Amino acid sequence: MPNNSLAPHEMLEVRGLLDSEMLCLKKMETNMTAVKDQELKSFMQDSINSKNTRLQEMQGFINGIGLM
């Protein structure tokens, strides 16, 4: 049977990763308004979508092990 709990230092690492991803996402969304180049804007939008997906997966993981 797998262990569904994390050690305290592991919980801090997961929270740190989540916070870092959220900060990066917010920065990208804010800076995207200043971008004029359509190719760069498209790349940034793809990155934002990818980060949103990653954040949802991380939230699912956190909820699954009962950190929140």
PDB file of N, CA and C in Angstrom:
ATOM      1  N   MET A   1       0.842  -1.175   0.000  1.00  0.00           N
ATOM      2  CA  MET A   1       0.000   0.000   0.000  1.00  0.00           C
ATOM      3  C   MET A   1       0.895   1.248   0.000  1.00  0.00           C
ATOM      4  N   PRO A   2       0.660   2.204  -0.931  1.00  0.00           N
ATOM      5  CA  PRO A   2       1.498   3.397  -0.977  1.00  0.00           C
ATOM      6  C   PRO A   2       1.208   4.323   0.197  1.00  0.00           C
ATOM      7  N   ASN A   3       2.241   5.054   0.601  1.00  0.00           N
ATOM      8  CA  ASN A   3       2.105   6.024   1.673  1.00  0.00           C
ATOM      9  C   ASN A   3       1.600   7.335   1.074  1.00  0.00           C
ATOM     10  N   ASN A   4       0.427   7.804   1.516  1.00  0.00           N
ATOM     11  CA  ASN A   4      -0.165   9.020   0.966  1.00  0.00           C
ATOM     12  C   ASN A   4       0.121  10.257   1.808  1.00  0.00           C
ATOM     13  N   SER A   5       1.214  10.245   2.533  1.00  0.00           N
ATOM     14  CA  SER A   5       1.560  11.430   3.308  1.00  0.00           C
ATOM     15  C   SER A   5       2.992  11.831   2.995  1.00  0.00           C
ATOM     16  N   LEU A   6       3.275  13.091   3.241  1.00  0.00           N
ATOM     17  CA  LEU A   6       4.609  13.614   2.990  1.00  0.00           C
ATOM     18  C   LEU A   6       5.234  14.043   4.309  1.00  0.00           C
ATOM     19  N   ALA A   7       6.531  13.996   4.341  1.00  0.00           N
ATOM     20  CA  ALA A   7       7.264  14.515   5.493  1.00  0.00           C
ATOM     21  C   ALA A   7       7.131  16.044   5.489  1.00  0.00           C
ATOM     22  N   PRO A   8       7.283  16.672   6.631  1.00  0.00           N
ATOM     23  CA  PRO A   8       7.139  18.140   6.681  1.00  0.00           C
ATOM     24  C   PRO A   8       8.015  18.888   5.677  1.00  0.00           C
ATOM     25  N   HIS A   9       9.253  18.455   5.499  1.00  0.00           N
ATOM     26  CA  HIS A   9      10.112  19.155   4.543  1.00  0.00           C
ATOM     27  C   HIS A   9       9.634  18.955   3.108  1.00  0.00           C
ATOM     28  N   GLU A  10       9.010  17.825   2.835  1.00  0.00           N
ATOM     29  CA  GLU A  10       8.457  17.584   1.497  1.00  0.00           C
ATOM     30  C   GLU A  10       7.238  18.474   1.260  1.00  0.00           C
ATOM     31  N   MET A  11       6.420  18.659   2.291  1.00  0.00           N
ATOM     32  CA  MET A  11       5.264  19.551   2.157  1.00  0.00           C
ATOM     33  C   MET A  11       5.716  20.976   1.849  1.00  0.00           C
ATOM     34  N   LEU A  12       6.784  21.409   2.512  1.00  0.00           N
ATOM     35  CA  LEU A  12       7.310  22.748   2.241  1.00  0.00           C
ATOM     36  C   LEU A  12       7.811  22.867   0.807  1.00  0.00           C
ATOM     37  N   GLU A  13       8.446  21.823   0.302  1.00  0.00           N
ATOM     38  CA  GLU A  13       8.933  21.831  -1.082  1.00  0.00           C
ATOM     39  C   GLU A  13       7.770  21.918  -2.070  1.00  0.00           C
ATOM     40  N   VAL A  14       6.731  21.149  -1.832  1.00  0.00           N
ATOM     41  CA  VAL A  14       5.563  21.166  -2.725  1.00  0.00           C
ATOM     42  C   VAL A  14       4.913  22.537  -2.697  1.00  0.00           C
ATOM     43  N   ARG A  15       4.757  23.107  -1.509  1.00  0.00           N
ATOM     44  CA  ARG A  15       4.172  24.442  -1.390  1.00  0.00           C
ATOM     45  C   ARG A  15       5.048  25.480  -2.093  1.00  0.00           C
ATOM     46  N   GLY A  16       6.368  25.357  -1.954  1.00  0.00           N
ATOM     47  CA  GLY A  16       7.284  26.267  -2.621  1.00  0.00           C
ATOM     48  C   GLY A  16       7.159  26.184  -4.137  1.00  0.00           C
ATOM     49  N   LEU A  17       7.047  24.974  -4.661  1.00  0.00           N
ATOM     50  CA  LEU A  17       6.866  24.791  -6.103  1.00  0.00           C
ATOM     51  C   LEU A  17       5.557  25.414  -6.578  1.00  0.00           C
ATOM     52  N   LEU A  18       4.509  25.190  -5.816  1.00  0.00           N
ATOM     53  CA  LEU A  18       3.203  25.742  -6.162  1.00  0.00           C
ATOM     54  C   LEU A  18       3.246  27.267  -6.158  1.00  0.00           C
ATOM     55  N   ASP A  19       3.830  27.852  -5.131  1.00  0.00           N
ATOM     56  CA  ASP A  19       3.944  29.307  -5.050  1.00  0.00           C
ATOM     57  C   ASP A  19       4.765  29.865  -6.212  1.00  0.00           C
ATOM     58  N   SER A  20       5.851  29.190  -6.555  1.00  0.00           N
ATOM     59  CA  SER A  20       6.708  29.629  -7.646  1.00  0.00           C
ATOM     60  C   SER A  20       5.966  29.588  -8.977  1.00  0.00           C
ATOM     61  N   GLU A  21       5.227  28.525  -9.221  1.00  0.00           N
ATOM     62  CA  GLU A  21       4.461  28.401 -10.467  1.00  0.00           C
ATOM     63  C   GLU A  21       3.394  29.492 -10.547  1.00  0.00           C
ATOM     64  N   MET A  22       2.731  29.773  -9.438  1.00  0.00           N
ATOM     65  CA  MET A  22       1.685  30.793  -9.427  1.00  0.00           C
ATOM     66  C   MET A  22       2.267  32.181  -9.684  1.00  0.00           C
ATOM     67  N   LEU A  23       3.405  32.476  -9.086  1.00  0.00           N
ATOM     68  CA  LEU A  23       4.053  33.768  -9.296  1.00  0.00           C
ATOM     69  C   LEU A  23       4.478  33.934 -10.757  1.00  0.00           C
ATOM     70  N   CYS A  24       5.065  32.902 -11.307  1.00  0.00           N
ATOM     71  CA  CYS A  24       5.503  32.946 -12.705  1.00  0.00           C
ATOM     72  C   CYS A  24       4.302  33.152 -13.635  1.00  0.00           C
ATOM     73  N   LEU A  25       3.214  32.469 -13.360  1.00  0.00           N
ATOM     74  CA  LEU A  25       2.009  32.606 -14.168  1.00  0.00           C
ATOM     75  C   LEU A  25       1.486  34.037 -14.110  1.00  0.00           C
ATOM     76  N   LYS A  26       1.416  34.603 -12.938  1.00  0.00           N
ATOM     77  CA  LYS A  26       0.920  35.976 -12.792  1.00  0.00           C
ATOM     78  C   LYS A  26       1.825  36.973 -13.518  1.00  0.00           C
ATOM     79  N   LYS A  27       3.134  36.780 -13.444  1.00  0.00           N
ATOM     80  CA  LYS A  27       4.066  37.662 -14.144  1.00  0.00           C
ATOM     81  C   LYS A  27       3.874  37.569 -15.650  1.00  0.00           C
ATOM     82  N   MET A  28       3.723  36.348 -16.147  1.00  0.00           N
ATOM     83  CA  MET A  28       3.538  36.177 -17.593  1.00  0.00           C
ATOM     84  C   MET A  28       2.241  36.831 -18.049  1.00  0.00           C
ATOM     85  N   GLU A  29       1.174  36.632 -17.291  1.00  0.00           N
ATOM     86  CA  GLU A  29      -0.109  37.222 -17.673  1.00  0.00           C
ATOM     87  C   GLU A  29      -0.027  38.751 -17.667  1.00  0.00           C
ATOM     88  N   THR A  30       0.655  39.316 -16.686  1.00  0.00           N
ATOM     89  CA  THR A  30       0.802  40.766 -16.590  1.00  0.00           C
ATOM     90  C   THR A  30       1.648  41.307 -17.735  1.00  0.00           C
ATOM     91  N   ASN A  31       2.766  40.657 -18.015  1.00  0.00           N
ATOM     92  CA  ASN A  31       3.679  41.143 -19.048  1.00  0.00           C
ATOM     93  C   ASN A  31       3.158  40.927 -20.462  1.00  0.00           C
ATOM     94  N   MET A  32       2.253  40.001 -20.635  1.00  0.00           N
ATOM     95  CA  MET A  32       1.757  39.694 -21.966  1.00  0.00           C
ATOM     96  C   MET A  32       1.012  40.879 -22.583  1.00  0.00           C
ATOM     97  N   THR A  33       0.443  41.728 -21.755  1.00  0.00           N
ATOM     98  CA  THR A  33      -0.287  42.886 -22.295  1.00  0.00           C
ATOM     99  C   THR A  33       0.638  43.866 -23.013  1.00  0.00           C
ATOM    100  N   ALA A  34       1.919  43.867 -22.674  1.00  0.00           N
ATOM    101  CA  ALA A  34       2.872  44.790 -23.291  1.00  0.00           C
ATOM    102  C   ALA A  34       3.505  44.234 -24.563  1.00  0.00           C
ATOM    103  N   VAL A  35       3.279  42.963 -24.846  1.00  0.00           N
ATOM    104  CA  VAL A  35       3.912  42.319 -26.000  1.00  0.00           C
ATOM    105  C   VAL A  35       3.135  42.649 -27.271  1.00  0.00           C
ATOM    106  N   LYS A  36       3.859  43.089 -28.282  1.00  0.00           N
ATOM    107  CA  LYS A  36       3.237  43.440 -29.573  1.00  0.00           C
ATOM    108  C   LYS A  36       3.404  42.332 -30.617  1.00  0.00           C
ATOM    109  N   ASP A  37       4.499  41.602 -30.543  1.00  0.00           N
ATOM    110  CA  ASP A  37       4.790  40.561 -31.524  1.00  0.00           C
ATOM    111  C   ASP A  37       3.823  39.393 -31.353  1.00  0.00           C
ATOM    112  N   GLN A  38       3.102  39.058 -32.410  1.00  0.00           N
ATOM    113  CA  GLN A  38       2.088  38.008 -32.342  1.00  0.00           C
ATOM    114  C   GLN A  38       2.679  36.620 -32.089  1.00  0.00           C
ATOM    115  N   GLU A  39       3.837  36.360 -32.669  1.00  0.00           N
ATOM    116  CA  GLU A  39       4.467  35.052 -32.464  1.00  0.00           C
ATOM    117  C   GLU A  39       4.870  34.880 -30.997  1.00  0.00           C
ATOM    118  N   LEU A  40       5.453  35.922 -30.423  1.00  0.00           N
ATOM    119  CA  LEU A  40       5.833  35.869 -29.014  1.00  0.00           C
ATOM    120  C   LEU A  40       4.591  35.782 -28.132  1.00  0.00           C
ATOM    121  N   LYS A  41       3.563  36.520 -28.477  1.00  0.00           N
ATOM    122  CA  LYS A  41       2.317  36.494 -27.707  1.00  0.00           C
ATOM    123  C   LYS A  41       1.695  35.093 -27.735  1.00  0.00           C
ATOM    124  N   SER A  42       1.743  34.450 -28.887  1.00  0.00           N
ATOM    125  CA  SER A  42       1.232  33.088 -29.017  1.00  0.00           C
ATOM    126  C   SER A  42       2.036  32.111 -28.160  1.00  0.00           C
ATOM    127  N   PHE A  43       3.366  32.264 -28.180  1.00  0.00           N
ATOM    128  CA  PHE A  43       4.232  31.419 -27.350  1.00  0.00           C
ATOM    129  C   PHE A  43       3.914  31.620 -25.874  1.00  0.00           C
ATOM    130  N   MET A  44       3.751  32.876 -25.478  1.00  0.00           N
ATOM    131  CA  MET A  44       3.443  33.163 -24.081  1.00  0.00           C
ATOM    132  C   MET A  44       2.087  32.580 -23.683  1.00  0.00           C
ATOM    133  N   GLN A  45       1.114  32.656 -24.571  1.00  0.00           N
ATOM    134  CA  GLN A  45      -0.206  32.092 -24.266  1.00  0.00           C
ATOM    135  C   GLN A  45      -0.125  30.583 -24.109  1.00  0.00           C
ATOM    136  N   ASP A  46       0.649  29.930 -24.959  1.00  0.00           N
ATOM    137  CA  ASP A  46       0.854  28.483 -24.818  1.00  0.00           C
ATOM    138  C   ASP A  46       1.516  28.155 -23.479  1.00  0.00           C
ATOM    139  N   SER A  47       2.475  28.974 -23.087  1.00  0.00           N
ATOM    140  CA  SER A  47       3.158  28.773 -21.800  1.00  0.00           C
ATOM    141  C   SER A  47       2.199  28.983 -20.636  1.00  0.00           C
ATOM    142  N   ILE A  48       1.354  29.974 -20.741  1.00  0.00           N
ATOM    143  CA  ILE A  48       0.360  30.241 -19.694  1.00  0.00           C
ATOM    144  C   ILE A  48      -0.601  29.063 -19.575  1.00  0.00           C
ATOM    145  N   ASN A  49      -1.052  28.559 -20.710  1.00  0.00           N
ATOM    146  CA  ASN A  49      -1.955  27.400 -20.688  1.00  0.00           C
ATOM    147  C   ASN A  49      -1.282  26.194 -20.051  1.00  0.00           C
ATOM    148  N   SER A  50      -0.020  25.987 -20.384  1.00  0.00           N
ATOM    149  CA  SER A  50       0.739  24.869 -19.819  1.00  0.00           C
ATOM    150  C   SER A  50       0.895  25.035 -18.309  1.00  0.00           C
ATOM    151  N   LYS A  51       1.191  26.232 -17.862  1.00  0.00           N
ATOM    152  CA  LYS A  51       1.340  26.494 -16.423  1.00  0.00           C
ATOM    153  C   LYS A  51       0.013  26.288 -15.697  1.00  0.00           C
ATOM    154  N   ASN A  52      -1.086  26.722 -16.306  1.00  0.00           N
ATOM    155  CA  ASN A  52      -2.395  26.497 -15.695  1.00  0.00           C
ATOM    156  C   ASN A  52      -2.669  25.010 -15.517  1.00  0.00           C
ATOM    157  N   THR A  53      -2.345  24.229 -16.528  1.00  0.00           N
ATOM    158  CA  THR A  53      -2.521  22.782 -16.442  1.00  0.00           C
ATOM    159  C   THR A  53      -1.654  22.200 -15.341  1.00  0.00           C
ATOM    160  N   ARG A  54      -0.404  22.633 -15.283  1.00  0.00           N
ATOM    161  CA  ARG A  54       0.519  22.144 -14.257  1.00  0.00           C
ATOM    162  C   ARG A  54       0.030  22.509 -12.858  1.00  0.00           C
ATOM    163  N   LEU A  55      -0.497  23.719 -12.702  1.00  0.00           N
ATOM    164  CA  LEU A  55      -1.027  24.144 -11.412  1.00  0.00           C
ATOM    165  C   LEU A  55      -2.232  23.299 -10.997  1.00  0.00           C
ATOM    166  N   GLN A  56      -3.100  22.989 -11.938  1.00  0.00           N
ATOM    167  CA  GLN A  56      -4.254  22.133 -11.640  1.00  0.00           C
ATOM    168  C   GLN A  56      -3.799  20.741 -11.212  1.00  0.00           C
ATOM    169  N   GLU A  57      -2.779  20.215 -11.885  1.00  0.00           N
ATOM    170  CA  GLU A  57      -2.250  18.903 -11.513  1.00  0.00           C
ATOM    171  C   GLU A  57      -1.629  18.936 -10.121  1.00  0.00           C
ATOM    172  N   MET A  58      -0.900  20.013  -9.824  1.00  0.00           N
ATOM    173  CA  MET A  58      -0.294  20.135  -8.501  1.00  0.00           C
ATOM    174  C   MET A  58      -1.367  20.260  -7.423  1.00  0.00           C
ATOM    175  N   GLN A  59      -2.428  21.029  -7.704  1.00  0.00           N
ATOM    176  CA  GLN A  59      -3.523  21.155  -6.752  1.00  0.00           C
ATOM    177  C   GLN A  59      -4.198  19.806  -6.520  1.00  0.00           C
ATOM    178  N   GLY A  60      -4.373  19.038  -7.583  1.00  0.00           N
ATOM    179  CA  GLY A  60      -4.950  17.704  -7.450  1.00  0.00           C
ATOM    180  C   GLY A  60      -4.083  16.806  -6.587  1.00  0.00           C
ATOM    181  N   PHE A  61      -2.782  16.889  -6.775  1.00  0.00           N
ATOM    182  CA  PHE A  61      -1.854  16.099  -5.970  1.00  0.00           C
ATOM    183  C   PHE A  61      -1.955  16.497  -4.503  1.00  0.00           C
ATOM    184  N   ILE A  62      -1.945  17.821  -4.254  1.00  0.00           N
ATOM    185  CA  ILE A  62      -2.017  18.319  -2.883  1.00  0.00           C
ATOM    186  C   ILE A  62      -3.330  17.896  -2.227  1.00  0.00           C
ATOM    187  N   ASN A  63      -4.418  18.040  -2.947  1.00  0.00           N
ATOM    188  CA  ASN A  63      -5.706  17.634  -2.394  1.00  0.00           C
ATOM    189  C   ASN A  63      -5.770  16.130  -2.155  1.00  0.00           C
ATOM    190  N   GLY A  64      -5.118  15.364  -3.013  1.00  0.00           N
ATOM    191  CA  GLY A  64      -5.131  13.905  -2.897  1.00  0.00           C
ATOM    192  C   GLY A  64      -4.390  13.385  -1.687  1.00  0.00           C
ATOM    193  N   ILE A  65      -3.395  14.143  -1.232  1.00  0.00           N
ATOM    194  CA  ILE A  65      -2.641  13.673  -0.066  1.00  0.00           C
ATOM    195  C   ILE A  65      -3.020  14.439   1.197  1.00  0.00           C
ATOM    196  N   GLY A  66      -3.993  15.344   1.042  1.00  0.00           N
ATOM    197  CA  GLY A  66      -4.526  16.029   2.219  1.00  0.00           C
ATOM    198  C   GLY A  66      -3.666  17.135   2.772  1.00  0.00           C
ATOM    199  N   LEU A  67      -2.952  17.871   1.928  1.00  0.00           N
ATOM    200  CA  LEU A  67      -2.139  18.982   2.413  1.00  0.00           C
ATOM    201  C   LEU A  67      -2.978  20.241   2.616  1.00  0.00           C
ATOM    202  N   MET A  68      -4.102  20.326   1.943  1.00  0.00           N
ATOM    203  CA  MET A  68      -4.891  21.563   2.053  1.00  0.00           C
ATOM    204  C   MET A  68      -6.146  21.300   2.811  1.00  0.00           C
TER     205      MET A  68
END
